[in-house]
């Protein structure tokens, strides 16, 4: 058994596994991924999988585009093993106050060449007869947006990592990082359930669990990162609904049609949640909100039957941008977290950029705005809704 690694990656979600695969492609040497359970079984498994380029700005749009390319290529080279399809996504604003922020967003993204169709309510009603849009103030359809089933992508990455000589250490949670010299020193090893493993560098891509690990390792490693809870439900319909994948920016929900089923999510619970102690079931306020939203947006929506559902955990930052790059307080330590609910959407590209930064190389996308050093350390901040129209 190997006793040490050139690079240890903590977290086997879509970001961490993408980073590990890219590190090996770039010749990083001995690479291992440490995961507390099975690869892709954490937040990645509970994500809706929406992939939309209508994010904040050109940098985010480029990250999503690169991630789309990765999903598209994986689906093409592994037919039948990865569910990825570009069905398009309809954005709906019912309140006039939500229209102008969305228009500003579209203006910022115009140089990225994203195709967006502006629709009237009559056009939308004709295209999707089961969609209720009578109160819509504005409608935009992005035909290039889509959806991926991320755990399948992680499984393909695991095969690639092992084929290149890397290790994927499932059921081996990391308790702490070992550091030498205190603040300003260097990370020297990861200490997991199975022992101590010396490392040349460590990339922490543990999502909502990242801050707990950093704090357990050294007080100087703390960063402004808050876990928060999201929910998704699966509904049975009497027949396949003629509706698009939808994001209602006013009501703050999204849905994904799947034949005779509908996946419904509500985005963000705006308070901090312990990632190791949260209710994984749908709660009553969410189900009541779901019923009201369906009644207002889906013809015969009240006839939908609840099948199942779950809650997941995302990780938020003060400015809703990721934390990506070298940790300012410790040499040899890098983080890739704070995806604010967009981990799957940008995961392959964030992993690619993280691998480049670990190796001292220039990422393909300019991610300097994501540097953890932009924050002095931990400070309190409010959790805010991620997938919305805010500037």
Protein backbone atom coordinates (compact mmCIF):
# COMPACT_ATOMS: atom_id res chain seq x y z
CA UNK A 1 0.00 0.00 0.00
CA UNK A 2 1.27 3.45 -0.81
CA UNK A 3 2.20 5.53 2.21
CA UNK A 4 2.15 8.98 0.61
CA UNK A 5 1.01 11.01 -2.37
CA UNK A 6 2.18 13.93 -4.44
CA UNK A 7 -1.35 15.37 -4.32
CA UNK A 8 -4.24 14.36 -2.08
CA UNK A 9 -7.75 15.48 -3.06
CA UNK A 10 -10.33 15.53 -0.28
CA UNK A 11 -13.85 15.04 -1.62
CA UNK A 12 -15.04 12.80 -4.46
CA UNK A 13 -17.84 14.95 -5.83
CA UNK A 14 -17.85 16.22 -9.38
CA UNK A 15 -15.35 19.02 -8.60
CA UNK A 16 -12.84 16.89 -6.69
CA UNK A 17 -12.98 13.97 -9.11
CA UNK A 18 -12.62 16.31 -12.10
CA UNK A 19 -9.57 17.86 -10.43
CA UNK A 20 -7.99 14.48 -9.69
CA UNK A 21 -8.49 13.24 -13.25
CA UNK A 22 -6.99 16.46 -14.63
CA UNK A 23 -4.02 16.28 -12.25
CA UNK A 24 -3.21 12.82 -13.56
CA UNK A 25 -3.61 13.92 -17.17
CA UNK A 26 -1.08 16.68 -16.48
CA UNK A 27 1.46 14.31 -14.96
CA UNK A 28 1.06 15.26 -11.30
CA UNK A 29 2.52 11.97 -10.07
CA UNK A 30 0.84 10.01 -7.29
CA UNK A 31 -2.72 11.28 -6.80
CA UNK A 32 -5.35 10.01 -4.37
CA UNK A 33 -8.93 11.06 -3.71
CA UNK A 34 -10.21 10.61 -0.15
CA UNK A 35 -13.99 10.24 0.23
CA UNK A 36 -16.02 9.68 3.37
CA UNK A 37 -18.51 7.42 1.56
CA UNK A 38 -18.85 6.45 -2.11
CA UNK A 39 -17.69 8.76 -4.92
CA UNK A 40 -20.46 11.12 -5.97
CA UNK A 41 -22.72 10.12 -3.07
CA UNK A 42 -22.79 13.47 -1.27
CA UNK A 43 -24.14 16.75 -2.62
CA UNK A 44 -23.41 15.61 -6.19
CA UNK A 45 -25.96 12.79 -5.87
CA UNK A 46 -28.64 15.14 -4.55
CA UNK A 47 -28.23 17.82 -7.21
CA UNK A 48 -30.87 18.45 -9.85
CA UNK A 49 -28.15 18.57 -12.51
CA UNK A 50 -29.28 21.70 -14.38
CA UNK A 51 -26.53 23.11 -16.61
CA UNK A 52 -27.21 26.72 -17.64
CA UNK A 53 -24.88 29.33 -19.10
CA UNK A 54 -27.16 32.14 -17.86
CA UNK A 55 -25.09 32.61 -14.72
CA UNK A 56 -23.52 35.83 -13.38
CA UNK A 57 -21.00 36.97 -15.95
CA UNK A 58 -18.70 35.97 -18.80
CA UNK A 59 -16.34 34.03 -16.51
CA UNK A 60 -19.14 31.87 -15.14
CA UNK A 61 -20.56 31.40 -18.63
CA UNK A 62 -17.17 30.18 -19.84
CA UNK A 63 -16.88 27.76 -16.93
CA UNK A 64 -20.31 26.33 -17.71
CA UNK A 65 -19.48 26.10 -21.43
CA UNK A 66 -16.31 24.12 -20.67
CA UNK A 67 -18.28 21.87 -18.31
CA UNK A 68 -20.91 21.33 -20.99
CA UNK A 69 -18.16 20.30 -23.40
CA UNK A 70 -16.89 17.77 -20.85
CA UNK A 71 -20.36 16.30 -20.28
CA UNK A 72 -21.07 16.24 -24.00
CA UNK A 73 -17.81 14.46 -24.78
CA UNK A 74 -18.29 11.92 -22.00
CA UNK A 75 -21.84 11.14 -23.18
CA UNK A 76 -20.58 10.71 -26.75
CA UNK A 77 -17.61 8.50 -25.85
CA UNK A 78 -19.60 6.39 -23.36
CA UNK A 79 -22.99 5.89 -25.01
CA UNK A 80 -25.68 4.72 -22.63
CA UNK A 81 -23.57 5.38 -19.54
CA UNK A 82 -24.14 9.12 -19.01
CA UNK A 83 -27.45 10.92 -19.16
CA UNK A 84 -26.83 14.37 -20.60
CA UNK A 85 -29.25 16.25 -22.82
CA UNK A 86 -29.64 19.85 -23.93
CA UNK A 87 -33.39 20.39 -23.73
CA UNK A 88 -33.32 24.14 -23.17
CA UNK A 89 -34.42 26.08 -20.09
CA UNK A 90 -37.24 28.61 -19.83
CA UNK A 91 -36.70 31.55 -17.48
CA UNK A 92 -39.90 33.23 -16.27
CA UNK A 93 -40.29 36.50 -14.37
CA UNK A 94 -43.77 37.29 -13.07
CA UNK A 95 -42.88 40.43 -11.09
CA UNK A 96 -41.78 43.59 -12.90
CA UNK A 97 -39.04 44.02 -10.31
CA UNK A 98 -37.41 40.79 -11.53
CA UNK A 99 -37.40 41.76 -15.21
CA UNK A 100 -34.78 44.51 -15.23
CA UNK A 101 -32.16 42.56 -13.21
CA UNK A 102 -32.59 39.68 -15.65
CA UNK A 103 -32.16 42.04 -18.61
CA UNK A 104 -28.96 43.39 -17.07
CA UNK A 105 -27.71 39.86 -16.69
CA UNK A 106 -28.45 39.08 -20.34
CA UNK A 107 -26.64 42.27 -21.37
CA UNK A 108 -23.54 41.26 -19.38
CA UNK A 109 -23.59 37.83 -21.01
CA UNK A 110 -24.24 39.05 -24.56
CA UNK A 111 -20.51 39.02 -25.49
CA UNK A 112 -20.42 35.31 -24.57
CA UNK A 113 -22.63 34.53 -27.56
CA UNK A 114 -25.29 32.67 -25.60
CA UNK A 115 -28.41 32.10 -27.66
CA UNK A 116 -31.53 33.37 -25.85
CA UNK A 117 -35.03 33.69 -27.28
CA UNK A 118 -37.40 36.30 -25.87
CA UNK A 119 -40.94 34.91 -25.93
CA UNK A 120 -44.39 36.39 -25.54
CA UNK A 121 -46.92 34.67 -23.30
CA UNK A 122 -48.86 33.63 -26.40
CA UNK A 123 -45.77 32.06 -27.97
CA UNK A 124 -44.92 30.19 -24.77
CA UNK A 125 -48.49 28.95 -24.32
CA UNK A 126 -48.58 27.70 -27.90
CA UNK A 127 -45.23 25.89 -27.58
CA UNK A 128 -45.99 24.33 -24.18
CA UNK A 129 -49.76 23.90 -23.78
CA UNK A 130 -49.54 22.53 -20.22
CA UNK A 131 -47.59 25.57 -18.98
CA UNK A 132 -49.51 28.35 -17.23
CA UNK A 133 -47.96 31.74 -18.11
CA UNK A 134 -50.89 34.18 -17.88
CA UNK A 135 -49.11 36.32 -15.24
CA UNK A 136 -45.63 36.28 -16.80
CA UNK A 137 -44.05 39.72 -17.20
CA UNK A 138 -41.15 38.36 -19.29
CA UNK A 139 -40.01 35.00 -20.68
CA UNK A 140 -36.61 33.93 -22.00
CA UNK A 141 -35.71 30.53 -23.45
CA UNK A 142 -32.08 29.34 -23.58
CA UNK A 143 -32.07 26.37 -26.00
CA UNK A 144 -28.48 25.37 -25.19
CA UNK A 145 -29.14 24.74 -21.50
CA UNK A 146 -29.55 21.18 -20.33
CA UNK A 147 -29.27 18.60 -17.61
CA UNK A 148 -26.77 15.95 -16.57
CA UNK A 149 -26.97 13.05 -14.13
CA UNK A 150 -23.74 13.86 -12.30
CA UNK A 151 -23.19 10.59 -10.36
CA UNK A 152 -22.80 8.80 -13.70
CA UNK A 153 -20.14 11.32 -14.70
CA UNK A 154 -18.31 10.78 -11.40
CA UNK A 155 -18.34 7.02 -12.03
CA UNK A 156 -16.66 7.59 -15.41
CA UNK A 157 -14.07 9.84 -13.76
CA UNK A 158 -13.33 7.16 -11.16
CA UNK A 159 -12.55 4.70 -13.94
CA UNK A 160 -10.27 7.24 -15.64
CA UNK A 161 -8.44 8.02 -12.39
CA UNK A 162 -7.77 4.36 -11.66
CA UNK A 163 -6.71 3.69 -15.26
CA UNK A 164 -4.09 6.45 -14.93
CA UNK A 165 -2.70 5.00 -11.71
CA UNK A 166 -4.57 7.19 -9.22
CA UNK A 167 -6.39 6.00 -6.12
CA UNK A 168 -10.00 6.59 -5.15
CA UNK A 169 -10.20 5.87 -1.43
CA UNK A 170 -13.89 5.42 -0.65
CA UNK A 171 -15.15 5.07 2.93
CA UNK A 172 -11.97 6.76 4.16
CA UNK A 173 -12.97 10.13 5.67
CA UNK A 174 -10.25 12.67 6.39
CA UNK A 175 -10.32 13.81 10.02
CA UNK A 176 -7.78 16.60 9.71
CA UNK A 177 -4.86 17.97 7.76
CA UNK A 178 -1.46 17.86 9.41
CA UNK A 179 0.44 21.13 9.24
CA UNK A 180 4.00 22.11 10.09
CA UNK A 181 4.92 25.56 11.34
CA UNK A 182 1.44 26.85 12.17
CA UNK A 183 0.01 29.80 10.25
CA UNK A 184 2.19 30.51 7.24
CA UNK A 185 3.56 26.97 7.42
CA UNK A 186 2.88 24.02 5.16
CA UNK A 187 0.44 21.14 4.93
CA UNK A 188 2.40 17.92 5.30
CA UNK A 189 -0.16 15.10 5.44
CA UNK A 190 -3.78 14.05 5.55
CA UNK A 191 -4.97 12.02 8.52
CA UNK A 192 -7.84 9.75 7.53
CA UNK A 193 -9.71 6.86 9.09
CA UNK A 194 -7.06 4.51 7.71
CA UNK A 195 -3.95 6.37 8.74
CA UNK A 196 -1.56 9.23 8.09
CA UNK A 197 -0.57 9.94 4.48
CA UNK A 198 2.24 12.43 3.74
CA UNK A 199 1.42 14.71 0.80
CA UNK A 200 3.20 17.26 -1.30
CA UNK A 201 -0.04 19.23 -1.75
CA UNK A 202 -3.65 18.93 -0.66
CA UNK A 203 -6.74 20.09 -2.54
CA UNK A 204 -9.85 20.28 -0.37
CA UNK A 205 -12.96 19.95 -2.54
CA UNK A 206 -15.30 18.72 0.17
CA UNK A 207 -18.13 21.16 -0.53
CA UNK A 208 -20.27 21.88 2.52
CA UNK A 209 -17.89 19.84 4.72
CA UNK A 210 -14.84 21.93 3.80
CA UNK A 211 -15.01 24.44 6.65
CA UNK A 212 -15.35 21.71 9.29
CA UNK A 213 -12.18 20.04 8.02
CA UNK A 214 -10.24 23.29 7.83
CA UNK A 215 -11.23 24.32 11.35
CA UNK A 216 -10.37 20.87 12.72
CA UNK A 217 -6.90 21.21 11.21
CA UNK A 218 -5.86 24.72 12.28
CA UNK A 219 -7.69 27.88 13.39
CA UNK A 220 -5.87 29.95 10.77
CA UNK A 221 -7.45 27.93 7.96
CA UNK A 222 -11.02 29.10 8.59
CA UNK A 223 -12.80 30.63 5.57
CA UNK A 224 -16.23 32.32 5.11
CA UNK A 225 -18.23 29.32 3.93
CA UNK A 226 -21.72 28.32 5.06
CA UNK A 227 -23.57 25.07 4.38
CA UNK A 228 -27.25 25.51 3.58
CA UNK A 229 -30.12 23.16 2.86
CA UNK A 230 -32.03 22.73 -0.42
CA UNK A 231 -34.94 20.44 -1.31
CA UNK A 232 -36.17 18.52 -4.33
CA UNK A 233 -39.31 16.41 -4.83
CA UNK A 234 -40.35 13.84 -7.42
CA UNK A 235 -43.97 14.06 -8.59
CA UNK A 236 -46.01 11.62 -10.66
CA UNK A 237 -48.24 13.03 -13.40
CA UNK A 238 -51.21 11.35 -15.07
CA UNK A 239 -49.48 11.89 -18.41
CA UNK A 240 -46.25 13.48 -19.67
CA UNK A 241 -46.60 17.24 -19.32
CA UNK A 242 -45.89 19.42 -22.34
CA UNK A 243 -43.72 21.87 -20.42
CA UNK A 244 -40.04 22.86 -20.66
CA UNK A 245 -37.39 22.73 -18.01
CA UNK A 246 -38.32 25.86 -16.06
CA UNK A 247 -36.86 28.37 -13.64
CA UNK A 248 -39.39 30.78 -12.13
CA UNK A 249 -37.21 33.62 -10.85
CA UNK A 250 -40.09 35.33 -9.03
CA UNK A 251 -41.38 32.33 -7.09
CA UNK A 252 -37.85 30.97 -6.67
CA UNK A 253 -38.36 27.42 -7.89
CA UNK A 254 -37.33 25.21 -10.81
CA UNK A 255 -38.68 22.03 -12.32
CA UNK A 256 -37.44 19.36 -14.69
CA UNK A 257 -39.92 17.25 -16.70
CA UNK A 258 -39.09 13.55 -17.02
CA UNK A 259 -41.87 11.98 -19.05
CA UNK A 260 -44.65 11.17 -16.60
CA UNK A 261 -42.69 12.67 -13.70
CA UNK A 262 -41.69 16.15 -12.62
CA UNK A 263 -38.68 17.01 -10.47
CA UNK A 264 -39.38 20.15 -8.42
CA UNK A 265 -36.81 22.15 -6.44
CA UNK A 266 -36.93 25.34 -4.41
CA UNK A 267 -33.33 26.54 -4.42
CA UNK A 268 -32.12 27.86 -1.07
CA UNK A 269 -33.05 27.65 2.59
CA UNK A 270 -31.59 30.93 3.78
CA UNK A 271 -29.93 29.81 6.99
CA UNK A 272 -26.83 27.85 7.93
CA UNK A 273 -27.21 24.10 8.34
CA UNK A 274 -24.92 21.48 9.87
CA UNK A 275 -23.95 19.17 6.98
CA UNK A 276 -23.68 16.25 9.41
CA UNK A 277 -27.03 16.81 11.12
CA UNK A 278 -29.85 17.94 8.86
CA UNK A 279 -33.27 16.58 7.98
CA UNK A 280 -32.90 14.74 4.68
CA UNK A 281 -36.68 14.58 4.15
CA UNK A 282 -38.97 17.13 2.52
CA UNK A 283 -40.63 19.29 5.15
CA UNK A 284 -44.14 20.70 5.33
CA UNK A 285 -43.32 24.32 4.32
CA UNK A 286 -41.59 23.03 1.18
CA UNK A 287 -44.52 20.76 0.27
CA UNK A 288 -47.01 23.59 0.78
CA UNK A 289 -44.89 25.89 -1.40
CA UNK A 290 -44.64 23.15 -4.00
CA UNK A 291 -48.42 22.79 -4.16
CA UNK A 292 -48.94 26.53 -4.61
CA UNK A 293 -46.27 26.81 -7.29
CA UNK A 294 -47.65 23.87 -9.26
CA UNK A 295 -51.17 25.29 -9.11
CA UNK A 296 -49.92 28.55 -10.57
CA UNK A 297 -47.62 27.20 -13.30
CA UNK A 298 -48.86 23.75 -14.40
CA UNK A 299 -52.29 23.09 -15.80
CA UNK A 300 -53.83 20.33 -13.67
CA UNK A 301 -50.87 20.82 -11.33
CA UNK A 302 -52.97 20.03 -8.26
CA UNK A 303 -53.50 16.54 -9.66
CA UNK A 304 -49.78 15.74 -9.43
CA UNK A 305 -48.97 13.05 -6.86
CA UNK A 306 -46.01 13.20 -4.52
CA UNK A 307 -43.72 10.19 -5.02
CA UNK A 308 -40.60 10.95 -3.02
CA UNK A 309 -38.10 13.67 -2.24
CA UNK A 310 -34.99 14.64 -0.37
CA UNK A 311 -32.94 17.51 0.99
CA UNK A 312 -29.33 18.21 0.11
CA UNK A 313 -26.56 20.54 1.21
CA UNK A 314 -24.83 23.29 -0.75
CA UNK A 315 -22.09 25.69 0.33
CA UNK A 316 -22.43 29.46 0.14
CA UNK A 317 -19.93 32.33 0.19
CA UNK A 318 -20.42 36.06 0.94
CA UNK A 319 -20.26 37.11 -2.73
CA UNK A 320 -21.72 33.86 -4.12
CA UNK A 321 -18.51 33.13 -6.00
CA UNK A 322 -16.43 29.99 -5.46
CA UNK A 323 -13.36 29.73 -3.29
CA UNK A 324 -10.77 28.40 -5.73
CA UNK A 325 -7.00 28.42 -5.41
CA UNK A 326 -4.22 28.44 -2.81
CA UNK A 327 -5.18 28.98 0.80
CA UNK A 328 -3.66 32.29 1.94
CA UNK A 329 -2.62 30.97 5.36
CA UNK A 330 -0.91 27.69 4.46
CA UNK A 331 1.50 26.60 1.75
CA UNK A 332 0.65 23.46 -0.16
CA UNK A 333 -3.07 23.81 0.62
CA UNK A 334 -5.65 24.55 -2.07
CA UNK A 335 -9.43 24.73 -1.93
CA UNK A 336 -12.19 24.30 -4.51
CA UNK A 337 -15.52 24.92 -2.81
CA UNK A 338 -18.23 27.54 -2.31
CA UNK A 339 -20.13 26.66 -5.47
CA UNK A 340 -23.39 28.16 -4.12
CA UNK A 341 -25.53 25.38 -5.59
CA UNK A 342 -23.75 25.40 -8.97
CA UNK A 343 -21.24 22.61 -8.31
CA UNK A 344 -22.52 20.29 -11.03
CA UNK A 345 -23.08 23.17 -13.43
CA UNK A 346 -19.44 24.29 -13.28
CA UNK A 347 -17.79 21.21 -11.75
CA UNK A 348 -15.62 19.86 -14.59
CA UNK A 349 -14.24 23.32 -15.40
CA UNK A 350 -13.63 24.20 -11.73
CA UNK A 351 -11.80 20.89 -11.29
CA UNK A 352 -9.70 21.59 -14.38
CA UNK A 353 -8.79 25.06 -13.07
CA UNK A 354 -8.03 23.72 -9.59
CA UNK A 355 -5.63 21.13 -11.03
CA UNK A 356 -3.76 23.81 -12.97
CA UNK A 357 -3.42 25.99 -9.86
CA UNK A 358 -2.13 23.09 -7.75
CA UNK A 359 0.58 22.50 -10.35
CA UNK A 360 1.46 26.20 -10.61
CA UNK A 361 0.08 26.47 -14.11
CA UNK A 362 -2.27 29.03 -15.67
CA UNK A 363 -5.91 27.86 -15.86
CA UNK A 364 -7.71 28.03 -19.19
CA UNK A 365 -10.29 30.36 -17.59
CA UNK A 366 -9.30 33.47 -15.64
CA UNK A 367 -10.43 32.55 -12.11
CA UNK A 368 -8.46 35.18 -10.20
CA UNK A 369 -11.74 36.64 -8.87
CA UNK A 370 -12.29 33.34 -7.03
CA UNK A 371 -9.06 33.47 -5.01
CA UNK A 372 -9.65 32.62 -1.32
CA UNK A 373 -7.25 35.45 -0.40
CA UNK A 374 -9.97 37.98 -1.27
CA UNK A 375 -11.36 37.29 2.21
CA UNK A 376 -9.28 37.92 5.36
CA UNK A 377 -10.65 34.84 7.11
CA UNK A 378 -13.94 33.85 8.68
CA UNK A 379 -16.66 36.48 9.08
CA UNK A 380 -20.41 36.13 9.32
CA UNK A 381 -22.65 36.74 6.30
CA UNK A 382 -26.24 35.99 5.27
CA UNK A 383 -27.06 32.97 3.13
CA UNK A 384 -28.75 34.14 -0.08
CA UNK A 385 -30.66 32.46 -2.85
CA UNK A 386 -28.24 31.35 -5.55
CA UNK A 387 -30.10 30.66 -8.79
CA UNK A 388 -31.80 34.05 -9.13
CA UNK A 389 -31.60 37.37 -10.98
CA UNK A 390 -29.51 39.35 -8.51
CA UNK A 391 -26.68 41.51 -9.86
